[in-house]
Amino acid sequence: MALLSVRGLELHFVTPAGRVRAVNGISYTVEAGELVAIVGESGSGKTVQAQAVLGLVAQPPGEIVGGAVEFDGVELLSLPEERMRTLRGRRISMVFQEPMTSLNPVLSIGRQLTEAMRLHLQLTRAVADERAVSLLGMVGIADPERRLRQYPHHLSGGMRQRVMIAIAIACDPLLIVADEPTTALDVTIQAQILALMQDLTRRLGVALVIITHDLGVVARYADRVNVMYAGRIVEHGAARDVYRRPAHPYTIGLLNSVPRLDRPRGVRIEPIPGSPPDPAHLQPGCAFAPRCPYVVDRCRREEPPTVTFDDRHVATCWQTAALRPESG
């Protein structure tokens, strides 16, 4: 049985301008110890679906209108808020997107790192402080005893993100959700943070969901990938297979719009034309049709079918069979 199973999740926001369909019936699983990436442009719904899974979407204006989320045998969507709080931080942790603002500026690093341990693990202050020193060392922060007494403004962005990772693993969770964990960090620090998270998940046996727009993360770190567009998962499968043999025009567009060293010299980067659709005014048919170079009339009228390939590689598109290369 999968550690996390999301089935048909639908999340809407009720606004004065109308109902915004932010998440439209997505389904995916995460196995124990697995690293799964959720990829897509800004506004695709990848972050808000994770917040819905963790019960972090305010209702109202948010409204979960369908689906089920099961974590370690427990149905989360029907769980009382008090019970959900006992799971968050203890069995499921989240690394939020912006390391510069994720930490409370008026509380010391030690206070923020030990709070969850004292609450969930019932540790004394002395034991929690000792474990906090060990955790900071584990995530590569030098002189951890001194760092516990410092405040977030004393630390660089990369160090703050390391503190956030230490907080996430403090209570030995089964699952960590990392929302754009390398945003606002320079490329060298990004690589260090991603390698650190991969190493920790492998060593501790923790499942990791990385939400990102960076396909380099997918290629190097992920076991499986879900590609999201307009609140739907349009393609998913083993990261190696999706990267080498993409089956959806949106995935192909994402891959063509980033620099790659394995391309022949002189091949130009091809950005995806247009903008993502307004989730408050989604049109019939395929949401990607207005931007798709392979569009046919049927795409604008009818919902595309889901086509399954080998090794659970799935794509939702009328043109999928023709687009996916047979080898590569």
Protein backbone atom coordinates (compact mmCIF):
# COMPACT_ATOMS: atom_id res chain seq x y z
CA MET A 1 0.00 0.00 0.00
CA ALA A 2 1.29 3.49 -0.89
CA LEU A 3 2.34 5.79 1.95
CA LEU A 4 0.35 8.67 0.41
CA SER A 5 -2.54 8.18 -1.99
CA VAL A 6 -4.33 11.15 -3.54
CA ARG A 7 -7.43 10.18 -5.53
CA GLY A 8 -9.57 12.57 -7.55
CA LEU A 9 -8.75 15.64 -5.42
CA GLU A 10 -10.75 18.72 -6.41
CA LEU A 11 -10.22 22.10 -4.77
CA HIS A 12 -12.12 25.29 -5.64
CA PHE A 13 -11.89 28.83 -4.32
CA VAL A 14 -15.09 30.86 -4.03
CA THR A 15 -14.31 34.48 -4.92
CA PRO A 16 -16.36 37.58 -5.85
CA ALA A 17 -15.25 36.98 -9.46
CA GLY A 18 -16.61 33.43 -9.44
CA ARG A 19 -15.51 29.91 -8.63
CA VAL A 20 -11.82 29.26 -9.28
CA ARG A 21 -11.08 25.59 -10.06
CA ALA A 22 -7.56 25.40 -8.69
CA VAL A 23 -7.25 21.60 -8.57
CA ASN A 24 -9.28 19.45 -10.96
CA GLY A 25 -9.42 15.81 -9.95
CA ILE A 26 -5.75 14.92 -9.56
CA SER A 27 -4.56 11.47 -8.49
CA TYR A 28 -1.07 10.28 -7.56
CA THR A 29 0.76 8.12 -5.04
CA VAL A 30 3.98 8.30 -3.06
CA GLU A 31 5.68 5.14 -1.84
CA ALA A 32 7.72 4.93 1.38
CA GLY A 33 11.25 6.25 0.82
CA GLU A 34 10.43 7.53 -2.67
CA LEU A 35 11.29 10.94 -4.14
CA VAL A 36 8.42 12.25 -6.27
CA ALA A 37 8.51 15.55 -8.18
CA ILE A 38 5.47 17.68 -9.05
CA VAL A 39 6.36 19.98 -11.94
CA GLY A 40 4.58 22.86 -13.63
CA GLU A 41 4.47 26.58 -14.30
CA SER A 42 3.35 29.08 -11.68
CA GLY A 43 -0.42 28.85 -11.29
CA SER A 44 -0.64 25.19 -12.31
CA GLY A 45 -1.96 24.19 -8.87
CA LYS A 46 1.06 22.25 -7.64
CA THR A 47 1.52 24.17 -4.39
CA VAL A 48 -2.13 24.53 -3.45
CA GLN A 49 -2.79 20.80 -3.94
CA ALA A 50 -0.03 20.08 -1.40
CA GLN A 51 -1.55 22.58 1.02
CA ALA A 52 -4.91 20.84 0.59
CA VAL A 53 -3.32 17.46 1.34
CA LEU A 54 -1.85 18.87 4.57
CA GLY A 55 -5.06 20.68 5.54
CA LEU A 56 -3.47 24.12 5.18
CA VAL A 57 -6.08 25.68 2.86
CA ALA A 58 -8.44 28.04 4.67
CA GLN A 59 -12.08 27.02 4.23
CA PRO A 60 -13.60 29.40 3.16
CA PRO A 61 -12.58 30.65 0.63
CA GLY A 62 -11.16 27.23 -0.22
CA GLU A 63 -13.56 24.33 -0.70
CA ILE A 64 -12.60 20.69 -1.25
CA VAL A 65 -15.41 19.45 -3.47
CA GLY A 66 -14.24 15.92 -4.18
CA GLY A 67 -11.63 13.24 -3.80
CA ALA A 68 -9.82 11.41 -1.05
CA VAL A 69 -6.37 11.64 0.53
CA GLU A 70 -5.03 8.67 2.48
CA PHE A 71 -1.78 8.84 4.42
CA ASP A 72 -0.36 5.76 6.13
CA GLY A 73 -3.85 4.22 6.23
CA VAL A 74 -5.55 7.38 7.59
CA GLU A 75 -8.07 9.39 5.52
CA LEU A 76 -6.95 13.01 5.91
CA LEU A 77 -9.77 15.04 4.36
CA SER A 78 -12.30 13.91 6.97
CA LEU A 79 -9.85 14.15 9.89
CA PRO A 80 -10.72 16.66 12.66
CA GLU A 81 -8.35 19.63 12.79
CA GLU A 82 -7.09 18.64 16.25
CA ARG A 83 -6.04 15.19 14.98
CA MET A 84 -4.54 16.74 11.84
CA ARG A 85 -2.31 18.92 13.99
CA THR A 86 -0.90 15.81 15.65
CA LEU A 87 0.13 14.49 12.21
CA ARG A 88 1.58 17.71 10.80
CA GLY A 89 5.14 18.12 11.94
CA ARG A 90 5.16 14.65 13.47
CA ARG A 91 4.37 12.26 10.60
CA ILE A 92 4.19 14.77 7.72
CA SER A 93 6.45 17.82 7.45
CA MET A 94 6.66 20.67 4.97
CA VAL A 95 9.55 22.81 3.81
CA PHE A 96 7.99 26.05 2.61
CA GLN A 97 8.95 27.97 -0.50
CA GLU A 98 10.75 31.06 0.75
CA PRO A 99 13.61 30.48 3.25
CA MET A 100 13.91 34.22 3.86
CA THR A 101 10.43 34.46 5.37
CA SER A 102 9.64 30.92 6.56
CA LEU A 103 11.31 31.44 9.93
CA ASN A 104 9.92 33.74 12.64
CA PRO A 105 12.29 36.74 12.82
CA VAL A 106 11.77 37.35 16.57
CA LEU A 107 12.39 33.79 17.79
CA SER A 108 15.80 32.17 18.07
CA ILE A 109 16.80 29.28 15.81
CA GLY A 110 16.88 27.01 18.85
CA ARG A 111 13.36 27.95 19.93
CA GLN A 112 11.95 27.29 16.45
CA LEU A 113 13.85 24.03 16.02
CA THR A 114 12.92 22.55 19.41
CA GLU A 115 9.26 23.65 19.50
CA ALA A 116 7.91 20.72 17.46
CA MET A 117 10.09 18.20 19.29
CA ARG A 118 8.84 19.34 22.69
CA LEU A 119 5.24 19.32 21.47
CA HIS A 120 5.15 16.07 19.50
CA LEU A 121 7.89 13.99 21.15
CA GLN A 122 7.38 15.32 24.69
CA LEU A 123 11.11 15.98 25.10
CA THR A 124 12.54 18.06 27.91
CA ARG A 125 14.24 21.30 26.99
CA ALA A 126 17.71 19.88 27.60
CA VAL A 127 17.09 16.77 25.48
CA ALA A 128 15.45 18.83 22.72
CA ASP A 129 18.43 21.23 22.66
CA GLU A 130 20.83 18.29 22.41
CA ARG A 131 18.84 16.83 19.51
CA ALA A 132 18.69 20.26 17.84
CA VAL A 133 22.50 20.48 17.88
CA SER A 134 22.67 17.04 16.26
CA LEU A 135 20.13 18.01 13.59
CA LEU A 136 21.97 21.19 12.64
CA GLY A 137 25.14 19.17 12.28
CA MET A 138 23.27 16.64 10.14
CA VAL A 139 22.17 19.33 7.68
CA GLY A 140 25.68 20.74 7.38
CA ILE A 141 25.61 23.80 9.66
CA ALA A 142 28.92 24.43 11.41
CA ASP A 143 29.14 25.45 15.08
CA PRO A 144 25.53 24.35 15.79
CA GLU A 145 25.60 25.26 19.50
CA ARG A 146 26.18 28.92 18.64
CA ARG A 147 23.62 28.87 15.83
CA LEU A 148 20.88 27.79 18.24
CA ARG A 149 21.25 31.11 20.06
CA GLN A 150 21.13 33.18 16.87
CA TYR A 151 18.16 34.61 14.98
CA PRO A 152 17.17 34.17 11.31
CA HIS A 153 18.70 37.51 10.25
CA HIS A 154 22.11 36.19 11.31
CA LEU A 155 21.94 33.43 8.69
CA SER A 156 22.30 33.39 4.92
CA GLY A 157 19.48 32.12 2.69
CA GLY A 158 21.13 28.74 2.24
CA MET A 159 21.62 28.31 5.99
CA ARG A 160 18.01 29.28 6.67
CA GLN A 161 16.87 26.62 4.25
CA ARG A 162 19.08 24.09 6.03
CA VAL A 163 17.39 25.10 9.30
CA MET A 164 13.98 24.56 7.66
CA ILE A 165 15.08 21.08 6.58
CA ALA A 166 16.30 20.35 10.12
CA ILE A 167 12.88 21.41 11.46
CA ALA A 168 11.19 19.17 8.88
CA ILE A 169 13.12 16.05 9.94
CA ALA A 170 13.16 16.85 13.68
CA CYS A 171 10.33 14.45 14.60
CA ASP A 172 11.31 11.61 12.25
CA PRO A 173 8.41 12.05 9.79
CA LEU A 174 7.40 9.50 7.18
CA LEU A 175 6.83 12.16 4.49
CA ILE A 176 8.32 15.58 3.71
CA VAL A 177 6.72 17.98 1.22
CA ALA A 178 9.23 20.52 -0.09
CA ASP A 179 7.66 23.46 -1.93
CA GLU A 180 10.24 25.01 -4.29
CA PRO A 181 12.98 24.42 -1.69
CA THR A 182 15.67 26.21 -3.73
CA THR A 183 13.79 29.42 -4.60
CA ALA A 184 15.90 32.59 -4.20
CA LEU A 185 19.12 30.61 -3.67
CA ASP A 186 22.07 30.80 -6.03
CA VAL A 187 22.77 27.80 -8.23
CA THR A 188 25.65 26.43 -6.13
CA ILE A 189 23.58 26.49 -2.96
CA GLN A 190 20.60 25.02 -4.84
CA ALA A 191 22.65 21.97 -5.77
CA GLN A 192 23.87 21.59 -2.18
CA ILE A 193 20.34 21.79 -0.74
CA LEU A 194 18.91 19.27 -3.23
CA ALA A 195 21.78 16.84 -2.68
CA LEU A 196 21.32 17.22 1.08
CA MET A 197 17.58 16.47 0.88
CA GLN A 198 18.15 13.45 -1.35
CA ASP A 199 20.84 12.12 0.99
CA LEU A 200 18.67 12.61 4.09
CA THR A 201 15.68 10.85 2.54
CA ARG A 202 17.85 7.92 1.50
CA ARG A 203 19.55 7.67 4.90
CA LEU A 204 16.42 8.17 7.00
CA GLY A 205 14.00 6.29 4.70
CA VAL A 206 11.71 9.33 4.42
CA ALA A 207 9.47 9.86 1.39
CA LEU A 208 9.94 13.25 -0.26
CA VAL A 209 7.63 15.23 -2.55
CA ILE A 210 9.43 18.10 -4.30
CA ILE A 211 7.26 20.80 -5.88
CA THR A 212 9.27 22.59 -8.54
CA HIS A 213 9.33 24.25 -11.94
CA ASP A 214 12.95 23.17 -12.46
CA LEU A 215 13.20 20.16 -14.76
CA GLY A 216 16.85 19.75 -13.75
CA VAL A 217 15.58 18.62 -10.36
CA VAL A 218 13.45 16.00 -12.09
CA ALA A 219 16.29 14.67 -14.21
CA ARG A 220 18.81 14.36 -11.40
CA TYR A 221 16.91 13.65 -8.20
CA ALA A 222 13.35 12.34 -8.69
CA ASP A 223 12.22 8.71 -8.92
CA ARG A 224 8.86 9.65 -10.43
CA VAL A 225 7.35 12.86 -11.75
CA ASN A 226 3.86 14.36 -12.07
CA VAL A 227 3.50 17.17 -14.62
CA MET A 228 0.68 19.59 -13.73
CA TYR A 229 -1.17 22.05 -15.94
CA ALA A 230 -4.34 24.03 -15.13
CA GLY A 231 -5.01 22.03 -11.99
CA ARG A 232 -4.61 18.62 -13.65
CA ILE A 233 -1.83 16.05 -13.86
CA VAL A 234 -1.30 15.75 -17.61
CA GLU A 235 1.57 13.27 -17.49
CA HIS A 236 3.20 11.07 -14.88
CA GLY A 237 5.65 8.22 -14.78
CA ALA A 238 9.24 7.32 -13.94
CA ALA A 239 11.33 10.47 -14.13
CA ARG A 240 13.84 8.88 -16.49
CA ASP A 241 11.10 7.80 -18.89
CA VAL A 242 9.19 11.10 -18.81
CA TYR A 243 12.40 13.06 -19.34
CA ARG A 244 13.65 10.95 -22.24
CA ARG A 245 10.32 10.03 -23.83
CA PRO A 246 7.78 12.78 -23.04
CA ALA A 247 4.24 12.02 -24.18
CA HIS A 248 2.35 15.29 -23.59
CA PRO A 249 2.87 18.52 -25.61
CA TYR A 250 3.17 20.51 -22.38
CA THR A 251 5.97 18.28 -21.08
CA ILE A 252 7.70 18.54 -24.46
CA GLY A 253 7.34 22.34 -24.28
CA LEU A 254 8.82 22.48 -20.79
CA LEU A 255 11.80 20.41 -21.87
CA ASN A 256 12.36 22.49 -25.00
CA SER A 257 12.25 25.76 -23.07
CA VAL A 258 15.26 25.11 -20.83
CA PRO A 259 18.97 24.93 -21.75
CA ARG A 260 20.34 21.38 -22.02
CA LEU A 261 23.92 20.23 -22.51
CA ASP A 262 22.86 17.11 -24.40
CA ARG A 263 21.40 19.10 -27.32
CA PRO A 264 23.32 19.56 -30.57
CA ARG A 265 25.12 22.85 -30.89
CA GLY A 266 23.01 25.58 -32.45
CA VAL A 267 19.62 24.20 -31.38
CA ARG A 268 17.54 27.12 -30.13
CA ILE A 269 15.54 27.22 -26.91
CA GLU A 270 11.81 27.21 -27.73
CA PRO A 271 9.59 28.93 -25.13
CA ILE A 272 5.98 27.84 -24.77
CA PRO A 273 3.85 30.56 -26.40
CA GLY A 274 1.03 32.29 -24.54
CA SER A 275 0.12 32.13 -20.86
CA PRO A 276 -1.52 29.56 -18.57
CA PRO A 277 -5.34 29.71 -18.59
CA ASP A 278 -7.45 31.53 -16.04
CA PRO A 279 -8.67 28.80 -13.64
CA ALA A 280 -11.89 30.78 -13.15
CA HIS A 281 -12.74 30.54 -16.85
CA LEU A 282 -11.53 27.18 -18.13
CA GLN A 283 -12.77 26.35 -21.63
CA PRO A 284 -14.14 22.98 -22.82
CA GLY A 285 -11.69 20.40 -24.09
CA CYS A 286 -7.98 20.41 -23.33
CA ALA A 287 -6.78 23.38 -21.27
CA PHE A 288 -3.45 23.38 -23.11
CA ALA A 289 -5.08 23.60 -26.57
CA PRO A 290 -4.60 27.41 -27.04
CA ARG A 291 -0.83 27.01 -26.58
CA CYS A 292 -0.31 23.61 -28.18
CA PRO A 293 1.53 23.30 -31.53
CA TYR A 294 -0.12 19.90 -32.15
CA VAL A 295 -3.73 21.02 -31.54
CA VAL A 296 -6.58 19.67 -33.67
CA ASP A 297 -10.27 20.63 -33.59
CA ARG A 298 -11.13 17.73 -31.33
CA CYS A 299 -8.79 19.10 -28.63
CA ARG A 300 -10.94 22.23 -28.29
CA ARG A 301 -14.21 20.31 -27.95
CA GLU A 302 -13.60 17.13 -25.94
CA GLU A 303 -11.69 16.19 -22.81
CA PRO A 304 -8.59 14.24 -23.89
CA PRO A 305 -8.27 10.54 -22.99
CA THR A 306 -5.71 9.11 -20.58
CA VAL A 307 -3.23 6.82 -22.35
CA THR A 308 -1.13 4.35 -20.35
CA PHE A 309 2.28 3.18 -21.53
CA ASP A 310 4.76 0.79 -19.97
CA ASP A 311 5.93 1.18 -16.36
CA ARG A 312 2.87 3.22 -15.38
CA HIS A 313 3.80 6.08 -17.71
CA VAL A 314 0.53 7.94 -18.32
CA ALA A 315 -0.36 11.02 -20.39
CA THR A 316 -3.66 12.79 -21.04
CA CYS A 317 -3.76 13.95 -24.67
CA TRP A 318 -5.43 13.16 -27.99
CA GLN A 319 -2.05 13.22 -29.73
CA THR A 320 -0.04 11.26 -27.16
CA ALA A 321 0.48 8.07 -29.17
CA ALA A 322 1.96 10.05 -32.07
CA LEU A 323 4.15 12.32 -29.94
CA ARG A 324 5.92 9.81 -27.72
CA PRO A 325 9.08 8.42 -29.32
CA GLU A 326 9.44 4.66 -29.36
CA SER A 327 12.96 4.78 -28.00
CA GLY A 328 15.41 7.27 -26.69
